[in-house]
Amino acid sequence: RDNISLFLGDYLDTPLNKITALQIEMAYKEAIVEKKPHKNTVKGFRG
């Protein structure tokens, strides 16, 4: 739960069919730049 919230917290209440791949990519990059997570956290989120 924490892994998803860290990267996609703004989309938790959004229907899955309304979330685009581009939105996920942009949120992913933004989280890496702003929050600078540990590499294991990033890998854990993708998994």
All heavy atoms as atom14 arrays in JSON, in Angstrom:
{
  "sequence": "RDNISLFLGDYLDTPLNKITALQIEMAYKEAIVEKKPHKNTVKGFRG",
  "atom14_mask": [
    [1, 1, 1, 1, 1, 1, 1, 1, 1, 1, 1, 0, 0, 0],
    [1, 1, 1, 1, 1, 1, 1, 1, 0, 0, 0, 0, 0, 0],
    [1, 1, 1, 1, 1, 1, 1, 1, 0, 0, 0, 0, 0, 0],
    [1, 1, 1, 1, 1, 1, 1, 1, 0, 0, 0, 0, 0, 0],
    [1, 1, 1, 1, 1, 1, 0, 0, 0, 0, 0, 0, 0, 0],
    [1, 1, 1, 1, 1, 1, 1, 1, 0, 0, 0, 0, 0, 0],
    [1, 1, 1, 1, 1, 1, 1, 1, 1, 1, 1, 0, 0, 0],
    [1, 1, 1, 1, 1, 1, 1, 1, 0, 0, 0, 0, 0, 0],
    [1, 1, 1, 1, 0, 0, 0, 0, 0, 0, 0, 0, 0, 0],
    [1, 1, 1, 1, 1, 1, 1, 1, 0, 0, 0, 0, 0, 0],
    [1, 1, 1, 1, 1, 1, 1, 1, 1, 1, 1, 1, 0, 0],
    [1, 1, 1, 1, 1, 1, 1, 1, 0, 0, 0, 0, 0, 0],
    [1, 1, 1, 1, 1, 1, 1, 1, 0, 0, 0, 0, 0, 0],
    [1, 1, 1, 1, 1, 1, 1, 0, 0, 0, 0, 0, 0, 0],
    [1, 1, 1, 1, 1, 1, 1, 0, 0, 0, 0, 0, 0, 0],
    [1, 1, 1, 1, 1, 1, 1, 1, 0, 0, 0, 0, 0, 0],
    [1, 1, 1, 1, 1, 1, 1, 1, 0, 0, 0, 0, 0, 0],
    [1, 1, 1, 1, 1, 1, 1, 1, 1, 0, 0, 0, 0, 0],
    [1, 1, 1, 1, 1, 1, 1, 1, 0, 0, 0, 0, 0, 0],
    [1, 1, 1, 1, 1, 1, 1, 0, 0, 0, 0, 0, 0, 0],
    [1, 1, 1, 1, 1, 0, 0, 0, 0, 0, 0, 0, 0, 0],
    [1, 1, 1, 1, 1, 1, 1, 1, 0, 0, 0, 0, 0, 0],
    [1, 1, 1, 1, 1, 1, 1, 1, 1, 0, 0, 0, 0, 0],
    [1, 1, 1, 1, 1, 1, 1, 1, 0, 0, 0, 0, 0, 0],
    [1, 1, 1, 1, 1, 1, 1, 1, 1, 0, 0, 0, 0, 0],
    [1, 1, 1, 1, 1, 1, 1, 1, 0, 0, 0, 0, 0, 0],
    [1, 1, 1, 1, 1, 0, 0, 0, 0, 0, 0, 0, 0, 0],
    [1, 1, 1, 1, 1, 1, 1, 1, 1, 1, 1, 1, 0, 0],
    [1, 1, 1, 1, 1, 1, 1, 1, 1, 0, 0, 0, 0, 0],
    [1, 1, 1, 1, 1, 1, 1, 1, 1, 0, 0, 0, 0, 0],
    [1, 1, 1, 1, 1, 0, 0, 0, 0, 0, 0, 0, 0, 0],
    [1, 1, 1, 1, 1, 1, 1, 1, 0, 0, 0, 0, 0, 0],
    [1, 1, 1, 1, 1, 1, 1, 0, 0, 0, 0, 0, 0, 0],
    [1, 1, 1, 1, 1, 1, 1, 1, 1, 0, 0, 0, 0, 0],
    [1, 1, 1, 1, 1, 1, 1, 1, 1, 0, 0, 0, 0, 0],
    [1, 1, 1, 1, 1, 1, 1, 1, 1, 0, 0, 0, 0, 0],
    [1, 1, 1, 1, 1, 1, 1, 0, 0, 0, 0, 0, 0, 0],
    [1, 1, 1, 1, 1, 1, 1, 1, 1, 1, 0, 0, 0, 0],
    [1, 1, 1, 1, 1, 1, 1, 1, 1, 0, 0, 0, 0, 0],
    [1, 1, 1, 1, 1, 1, 1, 1, 0, 0, 0, 0, 0, 0],
    [1, 1, 1, 1, 1, 1, 1, 0, 0, 0, 0, 0, 0, 0],
    [1, 1, 1, 1, 1, 1, 1, 0, 0, 0, 0, 0, 0, 0],
    [1, 1, 1, 1, 1, 1, 1, 1, 1, 0, 0, 0, 0, 0],
    [1, 1, 1, 1, 0, 0, 0, 0, 0, 0, 0, 0, 0, 0],
    [1, 1, 1, 1, 1, 1, 1, 1, 1, 1, 1, 0, 0, 0],
    [1, 1, 1, 1, 1, 1, 1, 1, 1, 1, 1, 0, 0, 0],
    [1, 1, 1, 1, 0, 0, 0, 0, 0, 0, 0, 0, 0, 0]
  ],
  "atom14_positions": [
    [[0.83, -1.22, 0.0], [0.0, 0.0, 0.0], [0.86, 1.26, 0.0], [0.58, 2.22, -0.72], [-0.92, 0.0, 1.22], [-1.88, -1.19, 1.28], [-2.82, -1.06, 2.49], [-3.65, -2.23, 2.65], [-3.4, -3.22, 3.51], [-2.32, -3.15, 4.29], [-4.21, -4.25, 3.6], [0.0, 0.0, 0.0], [0.0, 0.0, 0.0], [0.0, 0.0, 0.0]],
    [[1.92, 1.23, 0.83], [2.8, 2.41, 0.93], [3.51, 2.69, -0.4], [3.7, 3.85, -0.78], [3.83, 2.21, 2.04], [3.19, 2.15, 3.42], [2.04, 2.6, 3.55], [3.84, 1.63, 4.35], [0.0, 0.0, 0.0], [0.0, 0.0, 0.0], [0.0, 0.0, 0.0], [0.0, 0.0, 0.0], [0.0, 0.0, 0.0], [0.0, 0.0, 0.0]],
    [[3.93, 1.63, -1.08], [4.62, 1.81, -2.36], [3.73, 2.52, -3.38], [4.16, 3.45, -4.06], [5.04, 0.44, -2.93], [6.26, -0.12, -2.24], [7.02, 0.61, -1.62], [6.44, -1.43, -2.31], [0.0, 0.0, 0.0], [0.0, 0.0, 0.0], [0.0, 0.0, 0.0], [0.0, 0.0, 0.0], [0.0, 0.0, 0.0], [0.0, 0.0, 0.0]],
    [[2.46, 2.08, -3.46], [1.54, 2.71, -4.41], [1.22, 4.14, -4.0], [1.19, 5.05, -4.83], [0.24, 1.87, -4.52], [0.55, 0.46, -5.05], [-0.77, 2.57, -5.42], [1.09, 0.42, -6.45], [0.0, 0.0, 0.0], [0.0, 0.0, 0.0], [0.0, 0.0, 0.0], [0.0, 0.0, 0.0], [0.0, 0.0, 0.0], [0.0, 0.0, 0.0]],
    [[1.02, 4.37, -2.71], [0.68, 5.71, -2.22], [1.8, 6.7, -2.48], [1.56, 7.87, -2.79], [0.35, 5.67, -0.73], [-0.78, 4.86, -0.48], [0.0, 0.0, 0.0], [0.0, 0.0, 0.0], [0.0, 0.0, 0.0], [0.0, 0.0, 0.0], [0.0, 0.0, 0.0], [0.0, 0.0, 0.0], [0.0, 0.0, 0.0], [0.0, 0.0, 0.0]],
    [[3.04, 6.24, -2.33], [4.19, 7.14, -2.5], [4.26, 7.69, -3.91], [4.54, 8.88, -4.12], [5.48, 6.38, -2.16], [6.79, 7.18, -2.32], [6.84, 8.32, -1.32], [8.0, 6.26, -2.14], [0.0, 0.0, 0.0], [0.0, 0.0, 0.0], [0.0, 0.0, 0.0], [0.0, 0.0, 0.0], [0.0, 0.0, 0.0], [0.0, 0.0, 0.0]],
    [[4.01, 6.84, -4.91], [4.16, 7.25, -6.29], [2.84, 7.7, -6.95], [2.85, 8.58, -7.81], [4.76, 6.11, -7.12], [6.19, 5.83, -6.8], [6.55, 4.99, -5.75], [7.21, 6.41, -7.54], [7.87, 4.74, -5.45], [8.54, 6.16, -7.24], [8.87, 5.32, -6.19], [0.0, 0.0, 0.0], [0.0, 0.0, 0.0], [0.0, 0.0, 0.0]],
    [[1.73, 7.07, -6.55], [0.45, 7.36, -7.22], [-0.62, 7.79, -6.23], [-1.8, 7.5, -6.4], [-0.02, 6.11, -7.99], [0.89, 5.6, -9.1], [0.36, 4.3, -9.68], [1.04, 6.64, -10.2], [0.0, 0.0, 0.0], [0.0, 0.0, 0.0], [0.0, 0.0, 0.0], [0.0, 0.0, 0.0], [0.0, 0.0, 0.0], [0.0, 0.0, 0.0]],
    [[-0.22, 8.52, -5.18], [-1.15, 8.95, -4.15], [-2.29, 9.8, -4.69], [-3.41, 9.74, -4.17], [0.0, 0.0, 0.0], [0.0, 0.0, 0.0], [0.0, 0.0, 0.0], [0.0, 0.0, 0.0], [0.0, 0.0, 0.0], [0.0, 0.0, 0.0], [0.0, 0.0, 0.0], [0.0, 0.0, 0.0], [0.0, 0.0, 0.0], [0.0, 0.0, 0.0]],
    [[-2.03, 10.59, -5.72], [-3.07, 11.46, -6.29], [-4.13, 10.69, -7.07], [-5.18, 11.26, -7.41], [-2.44, 12.51, -7.22], [-1.56, 13.49, -6.45], [-1.74, 13.61, -5.22], [-0.69, 14.12, -7.07], [0.0, 0.0, 0.0], [0.0, 0.0, 0.0], [0.0, 0.0, 0.0], [0.0, 0.0, 0.0], [0.0, 0.0, 0.0], [0.0, 0.0, 0.0]],
    [[-3.89, 9.42, -7.36], [-4.81, 8.65, -8.2], [-5.49, 7.5, -7.45], [-6.15, 6.68, -8.06], [-4.06, 8.06, -9.41], [-3.5, 9.1, -10.34], [-2.16, 9.48, -10.28], [-4.31, 9.72, -11.28], [-1.65, 10.44, -11.13], [-3.81, 10.69, -12.14], [-2.48, 11.05, -12.05], [-1.97, 12.01, -12.9], [0.0, 0.0, 0.0], [0.0, 0.0, 0.0]],
    [[-5.36, 7.47, -6.12], [-5.9, 6.35, -5.35], [-7.41, 6.19, -5.52], [-7.93, 5.07, -5.55], [-5.55, 6.49, -3.87], [-4.08, 6.26, -3.51], [-3.84, 6.56, -2.04], [-3.66, 4.83, -3.84], [0.0, 0.0, 0.0], [0.0, 0.0, 0.0], [0.0, 0.0, 0.0], [0.0, 0.0, 0.0], [0.0, 0.0, 0.0], [0.0, 0.0, 0.0]],
    [[-8.13, 7.32, -5.62], [-9.58, 7.26, -5.74], [-10.06, 7.36, -7.18], [-11.26, 7.51, -7.43], [-10.21, 8.39, -4.91], [-9.92, 8.25, -3.42], [-9.86, 7.09, -2.96], [-9.74, 9.27, -2.75], [0.0, 0.0, 0.0], [0.0, 0.0, 0.0], [0.0, 0.0, 0.0], [0.0, 0.0, 0.0], [0.0, 0.0, 0.0], [0.0, 0.0, 0.0]],
    [[-9.13, 7.26, -8.13], [-9.47, 7.35, -9.54], [-9.73, 5.96, -10.11], [-8.98, 5.03, -9.83], [-8.32, 8.01, -10.33], [-7.99, 9.27, -9.73], [-8.71, 8.23, -11.8], [0.0, 0.0, 0.0], [0.0, 0.0, 0.0], [0.0, 0.0, 0.0], [0.0, 0.0, 0.0], [0.0, 0.0, 0.0], [0.0, 0.0, 0.0], [0.0, 0.0, 0.0]],
    [[-10.8, 5.79, -10.92], [-11.03, 4.49, -11.57], [-9.84, 4.11, -12.43], [-9.24, 4.96, -13.1], [-12.29, 4.73, -12.42], [-12.98, 5.88, -11.75], [-11.88, 6.76, -11.21], [0.0, 0.0, 0.0], [0.0, 0.0, 0.0], [0.0, 0.0, 0.0], [0.0, 0.0, 0.0], [0.0, 0.0, 0.0], [0.0, 0.0, 0.0], [0.0, 0.0, 0.0]],
    [[-9.5, 2.84, -12.43], [-8.33, 2.39, -13.18], [-8.44, 2.68, -14.67], [-7.44, 2.96, -15.33], [-8.12, 0.88, -12.96], [-7.55, 0.48, -11.6], [-7.53, -1.02, -11.46], [-6.17, 1.06, -11.4], [0.0, 0.0, 0.0], [0.0, 0.0, 0.0], [0.0, 0.0, 0.0], [0.0, 0.0, 0.0], [0.0, 0.0, 0.0], [0.0, 0.0, 0.0]],
    [[-9.67, 2.6, -15.21], [-9.79, 2.83, -16.65], [-9.71, 4.31, -17.01], [-9.79, 4.67, -18.18], [-11.09, 2.23, -17.2], [-12.33, 2.84, -16.58], [-12.25, 3.76, -15.76], [-13.49, 2.34, -16.96], [0.0, 0.0, 0.0], [0.0, 0.0, 0.0], [0.0, 0.0, 0.0], [0.0, 0.0, 0.0], [0.0, 0.0, 0.0], [0.0, 0.0, 0.0]],
    [[-9.57, 5.18, -15.98], [-9.39, 6.61, -16.24], [-7.93, 7.04, -16.09], [-7.58, 8.18, -16.4], [-10.26, 7.43, -15.28], [-11.75, 7.26, -15.48], [-12.22, 7.98, -16.72], [-12.19, 9.49, -16.52], [-12.68, 10.19, -17.72], [0.0, 0.0, 0.0], [0.0, 0.0, 0.0], [0.0, 0.0, 0.0], [0.0, 0.0, 0.0], [0.0, 0.0, 0.0]],
    [[-7.11, 6.14, -15.57], [-5.68, 6.46, -15.39], [-4.92, 6.01, -16.63], [-4.96, 4.83, -16.99], [-5.11, 5.75, -14.15], [-5.93, 6.11, -12.91], [-3.65, 6.14, -13.94], [-5.51, 5.36, -11.65], [0.0, 0.0, 0.0], [0.0, 0.0, 0.0], [0.0, 0.0, 0.0], [0.0, 0.0, 0.0], [0.0, 0.0, 0.0], [0.0, 0.0, 0.0]],
    [[-4.23, 6.92, -17.28], [-3.49, 6.59, -18.49], [-2.05, 6.23, -18.16], [-1.53, 6.57, -17.09], [-3.5, 7.77, -19.47], [-2.76, 8.87, -18.9], [-4.92, 8.22, -19.78], [0.0, 0.0, 0.0], [0.0, 0.0, 0.0], [0.0, 0.0, 0.0], [0.0, 0.0, 0.0], [0.0, 0.0, 0.0], [0.0, 0.0, 0.0], [0.0, 0.0, 0.0]],
    [[-1.4, 5.57, -19.11], [0.01, 5.21, -18.93], [0.87, 6.46, -18.79], [1.83, 6.48, -18.01], [0.47, 4.37, -20.13], [0.0, 0.0, 0.0], [0.0, 0.0, 0.0], [0.0, 0.0, 0.0], [0.0, 0.0, 0.0], [0.0, 0.0, 0.0], [0.0, 0.0, 0.0], [0.0, 0.0, 0.0], [0.0, 0.0, 0.0], [0.0, 0.0, 0.0]],
    [[0.52, 7.51, -19.53], [1.3, 8.75, -19.46], [1.21, 9.37, -18.07], [2.2, 9.88, -17.54], [0.8, 9.73, -20.52], [1.55, 11.07, -20.59], [3.02, 10.84, -20.91], [0.92, 11.99, -21.62], [0.0, 0.0, 0.0], [0.0, 0.0, 0.0], [0.0, 0.0, 0.0], [0.0, 0.0, 0.0], [0.0, 0.0, 0.0], [0.0, 0.0, 0.0]],
    [[0.01, 9.33, -17.46], [-0.15, 9.87, -16.11], [0.69, 9.09, -15.11], [1.3, 9.69, -14.22], [-1.63, 9.82, -15.71], [-2.5, 10.84, -16.43], [-3.98, 10.64, -16.14], [-4.43, 9.51, -15.95], [-4.72, 11.73, -16.1], [0.0, 0.0, 0.0], [0.0, 0.0, 0.0], [0.0, 0.0, 0.0], [0.0, 0.0, 0.0], [0.0, 0.0, 0.0]],
    [[0.74, 7.77, -15.25], [1.55, 6.95, -14.35], [3.04, 7.28, -14.52], [3.77, 7.43, -13.55], [1.3, 5.46, -14.61], [-0.15, 5.09, -14.25], [2.27, 4.59, -13.81], [-0.54, 3.67, -14.58], [0.0, 0.0, 0.0], [0.0, 0.0, 0.0], [0.0, 0.0, 0.0], [0.0, 0.0, 0.0], [0.0, 0.0, 0.0], [0.0, 0.0, 0.0]],
    [[3.48, 7.41, -15.77], [4.88, 7.73, -16.04], [5.26, 9.09, -15.46], [6.33, 9.25, -14.85], [5.15, 7.72, -17.55], [5.2, 6.33, -18.16], [5.65, 6.36, -19.61], [6.62, 7.07, -19.92], [5.02, 5.69, -20.44], [0.0, 0.0, 0.0], [0.0, 0.0, 0.0], [0.0, 0.0, 0.0], [0.0, 0.0, 0.0], [0.0, 0.0, 0.0]],
    [[4.38, 10.07, -15.63], [4.68, 11.42, -15.14], [4.71, 11.45, -13.61], [5.59, 12.08, -13.02], [3.64, 12.4, -15.68], [3.71, 12.61, -17.2], [2.37, 13.61, -17.86], [2.82, 15.22, -17.2], [0.0, 0.0, 0.0], [0.0, 0.0, 0.0], [0.0, 0.0, 0.0], [0.0, 0.0, 0.0], [0.0, 0.0, 0.0], [0.0, 0.0, 0.0]],
    [[3.77, 10.74, -12.96], [3.76, 10.68, -11.5], [5.01, 9.95, -10.98], [5.59, 10.33, -9.96], [2.5, 9.98, -11.02], [0.0, 0.0, 0.0], [0.0, 0.0, 0.0], [0.0, 0.0, 0.0], [0.0, 0.0, 0.0], [0.0, 0.0, 0.0], [0.0, 0.0, 0.0], [0.0, 0.0, 0.0], [0.0, 0.0, 0.0], [0.0, 0.0, 0.0]],
    [[5.41, 8.91, -11.69], [6.6, 8.12, -11.32], [7.86, 9.0, -11.37], [8.65, 9.03, -10.41], [6.71, 6.96, -12.3], [7.92, 6.07, -12.17], [8.01, 5.12, -11.17], [8.97, 6.16, -13.08], [9.1, 4.28, -11.07], [10.07, 5.33, -12.99], [10.14, 4.39, -11.99], [11.23, 3.56, -11.91], [0.0, 0.0, 0.0], [0.0, 0.0, 0.0]],
    [[8.03, 9.73, -12.46], [9.21, 10.59, -12.6], [9.2, 11.72, -11.57], [10.23, 12.07, -11.01], [9.26, 11.17, -14.02], [9.53, 10.13, -15.1], [9.51, 10.78, -16.48], [9.73, 9.75, -17.58], [9.67, 10.35, -18.92], [0.0, 0.0, 0.0], [0.0, 0.0, 0.0], [0.0, 0.0, 0.0], [0.0, 0.0, 0.0], [0.0, 0.0, 0.0]],
    [[8.01, 12.29, -11.35], [7.89, 13.38, -10.38], [8.26, 12.92, -8.98], [8.95, 13.63, -8.23], [6.46, 13.92, -10.4], [6.24, 15.11, -9.48], [4.83, 15.64, -9.54], [4.11, 15.31, -10.51], [4.44, 16.37, -8.6], [0.0, 0.0, 0.0], [0.0, 0.0, 0.0], [0.0, 0.0, 0.0], [0.0, 0.0, 0.0], [0.0, 0.0, 0.0]],
    [[7.82, 11.71, -8.6], [8.14, 11.19, -7.28], [9.63, 10.96, -7.11], [10.2, 11.22, -6.05], [7.37, 9.88, -7.04], [0.0, 0.0, 0.0], [0.0, 0.0, 0.0], [0.0, 0.0, 0.0], [0.0, 0.0, 0.0], [0.0, 0.0, 0.0], [0.0, 0.0, 0.0], [0.0, 0.0, 0.0], [0.0, 0.0, 0.0], [0.0, 0.0, 0.0]],
    [[10.29, 10.46, -8.17], [11.74, 10.23, -8.1], [12.49, 11.54, -7.94], [13.43, 11.64, -7.14], [12.22, 9.48, -9.36], [11.72, 8.02, -9.33], [13.74, 9.51, -9.48], [12.1, 7.22, -10.54], [0.0, 0.0, 0.0], [0.0, 0.0, 0.0], [0.0, 0.0, 0.0], [0.0, 0.0, 0.0], [0.0, 0.0, 0.0], [0.0, 0.0, 0.0]],
    [[12.08, 12.57, -8.68], [12.77, 13.86, -8.62], [12.54, 14.55, -7.28], [13.48, 15.06, -6.67], [12.29, 14.76, -9.78], [12.85, 16.17, -9.62], [12.71, 14.18, -11.12], [0.0, 0.0, 0.0], [0.0, 0.0, 0.0], [0.0, 0.0, 0.0], [0.0, 0.0, 0.0], [0.0, 0.0, 0.0], [0.0, 0.0, 0.0], [0.0, 0.0, 0.0]],
    [[11.29, 14.57, -6.81], [10.96, 15.34, -5.62], [11.24, 14.59, -4.32], [11.69, 15.18, -3.34], [9.49, 15.76, -5.67], [9.19, 16.74, -6.8], [7.76, 17.23, -6.76], [6.99, 16.78, -5.87], [7.4, 18.07, -7.61], [0.0, 0.0, 0.0], [0.0, 0.0, 0.0], [0.0, 0.0, 0.0], [0.0, 0.0, 0.0], [0.0, 0.0, 0.0]],
    [[10.95, 13.29, -4.29], [11.06, 12.54, -3.04], [12.36, 11.75, -2.92], [12.7, 11.3, -1.84], [9.87, 11.59, -2.91], [8.53, 12.34, -2.92], [7.34, 11.4, -2.93], [6.03, 12.18, -3.01], [4.85, 11.29, -3.08], [0.0, 0.0, 0.0], [0.0, 0.0, 0.0], [0.0, 0.0, 0.0], [0.0, 0.0, 0.0], [0.0, 0.0, 0.0]],
    [[13.06, 11.57, -4.04], [14.34, 10.87, -4.05], [14.29, 9.58, -3.21], [15.03, 9.44, -2.22], [15.46, 11.78, -3.57], [15.75, 12.94, -4.5], [16.91, 13.78, -4.01], [17.3, 14.84, -5.02], [16.21, 15.75, -5.37], [0.0, 0.0, 0.0], [0.0, 0.0, 0.0], [0.0, 0.0, 0.0], [0.0, 0.0, 0.0], [0.0, 0.0, 0.0]],
    [[13.44, 8.64, -3.58], [13.33, 7.4, -2.79], [14.55, 6.51, -2.95], [15.34, 6.68, -3.88], [12.08, 6.73, -3.4], [12.05, 7.23, -4.8], [12.57, 8.63, -4.76], [0.0, 0.0, 0.0], [0.0, 0.0, 0.0], [0.0, 0.0, 0.0], [0.0, 0.0, 0.0], [0.0, 0.0, 0.0], [0.0, 0.0, 0.0], [0.0, 0.0, 0.0]],
    [[14.68, 5.54, -2.05], [15.75, 4.56, -2.15], [15.51, 3.69, -3.37], [14.36, 3.46, -3.78], [15.77, 3.69, -0.88], [16.99, 2.84, -0.75], [17.13, 1.64, -1.42], [18.13, 3.0, -0.02], [18.3, 1.1, -1.12], [18.92, 1.9, -0.26], [0.0, 0.0, 0.0], [0.0, 0.0, 0.0], [0.0, 0.0, 0.0], [0.0, 0.0, 0.0]],
    [[16.57, 3.2, -3.98], [16.43, 2.4, -5.2], [15.58, 1.15, -4.96], [14.86, 0.71, -5.85], [17.81, 2.0, -5.74], [18.6, 1.05, -4.85], [19.84, 0.53, -5.54], [20.52, -0.54, -4.71], [21.65, -1.14, -5.4], [0.0, 0.0, 0.0], [0.0, 0.0, 0.0], [0.0, 0.0, 0.0], [0.0, 0.0, 0.0], [0.0, 0.0, 0.0]],
    [[15.64, 0.58, -3.75], [14.83, -0.59, -3.46], [13.34, -0.25, -3.38], [12.48, -1.06, -3.72], [15.28, -1.23, -2.14], [16.65, -1.86, -2.25], [17.13, -2.14, -3.35], [17.3, -2.07, -1.12], [0.0, 0.0, 0.0], [0.0, 0.0, 0.0], [0.0, 0.0, 0.0], [0.0, 0.0, 0.0], [0.0, 0.0, 0.0], [0.0, 0.0, 0.0]],
    [[13.03, 0.98, -2.95], [11.64, 1.44, -2.91], [11.09, 1.58, -4.32], [9.94, 1.2, -4.59], [11.53, 2.78, -2.16], [12.08, 2.63, -0.85], [10.1, 3.24, -2.06], [0.0, 0.0, 0.0], [0.0, 0.0, 0.0], [0.0, 0.0, 0.0], [0.0, 0.0, 0.0], [0.0, 0.0, 0.0], [0.0, 0.0, 0.0], [0.0, 0.0, 0.0]],
    [[11.91, 2.12, -5.22], [11.49, 2.29, -6.62], [11.24, 0.93, -7.26], [10.24, 0.71, -7.94], [12.57, 3.07, -7.41], [12.2, 3.15, -8.88], [12.74, 4.46, -6.83], [0.0, 0.0, 0.0], [0.0, 0.0, 0.0], [0.0, 0.0, 0.0], [0.0, 0.0, 0.0], [0.0, 0.0, 0.0], [0.0, 0.0, 0.0], [0.0, 0.0, 0.0]],
    [[12.15, 0.03, -7.02], [12.0, -1.33, -7.55], [10.77, -2.01, -6.96], [10.01, -2.7, -7.66], [13.27, -2.13, -7.22], [13.27, -3.56, -7.75], [14.57, -4.23, -7.35], [14.57, -5.7, -7.72], [15.8, -6.39, -7.29], [0.0, 0.0, 0.0], [0.0, 0.0, 0.0], [0.0, 0.0, 0.0], [0.0, 0.0, 0.0], [0.0, 0.0, 0.0]],
    [[10.54, -1.79, -5.66], [9.38, -2.37, -5.0], [8.08, -1.83, -5.55], [7.09, -2.56, -5.7], [0.0, 0.0, 0.0], [0.0, 0.0, 0.0], [0.0, 0.0, 0.0], [0.0, 0.0, 0.0], [0.0, 0.0, 0.0], [0.0, 0.0, 0.0], [0.0, 0.0, 0.0], [0.0, 0.0, 0.0], [0.0, 0.0, 0.0], [0.0, 0.0, 0.0]],
    [[8.05, -0.53, -5.88], [6.84, 0.06, -6.47], [6.51, -0.58, -7.81], [5.36, -0.95, -8.07], [7.01, 1.56, -6.64], [6.02, 2.16, -7.6], [4.68, 2.3, -7.26], [6.42, 2.57, -8.88], [3.76, 2.83, -8.15], [5.51, 3.09, -9.78], [4.18, 3.23, -9.42], [0.0, 0.0, 0.0], [0.0, 0.0, 0.0], [0.0, 0.0, 0.0]],
    [[7.52, -0.73, -8.66], [7.27, -1.31, -9.98], [6.75, -2.74, -9.85], [5.84, -3.16, -10.56], [8.55, -1.3, -10.83], [9.01, 0.09, -11.22], [9.99, 0.04, -12.4], [11.13, -0.81, -12.12], [12.31, -0.37, -11.69], [12.51, 0.92, -11.5], [13.31, -1.2, -11.48], [0.0, 0.0, 0.0], [0.0, 0.0, 0.0], [0.0, 0.0, 0.0]],
    [[7.33, -3.49, -8.91], [6.88, -4.86, -8.71], [5.45, -4.92, -8.19], [4.64, -5.72, -8.64], [0.0, 0.0, 0.0], [0.0, 0.0, 0.0], [0.0, 0.0, 0.0], [0.0, 0.0, 0.0], [0.0, 0.0, 0.0], [0.0, 0.0, 0.0], [0.0, 0.0, 0.0], [0.0, 0.0, 0.0], [0.0, 0.0, 0.0], [0.0, 0.0, 0.0]]
  ]
}
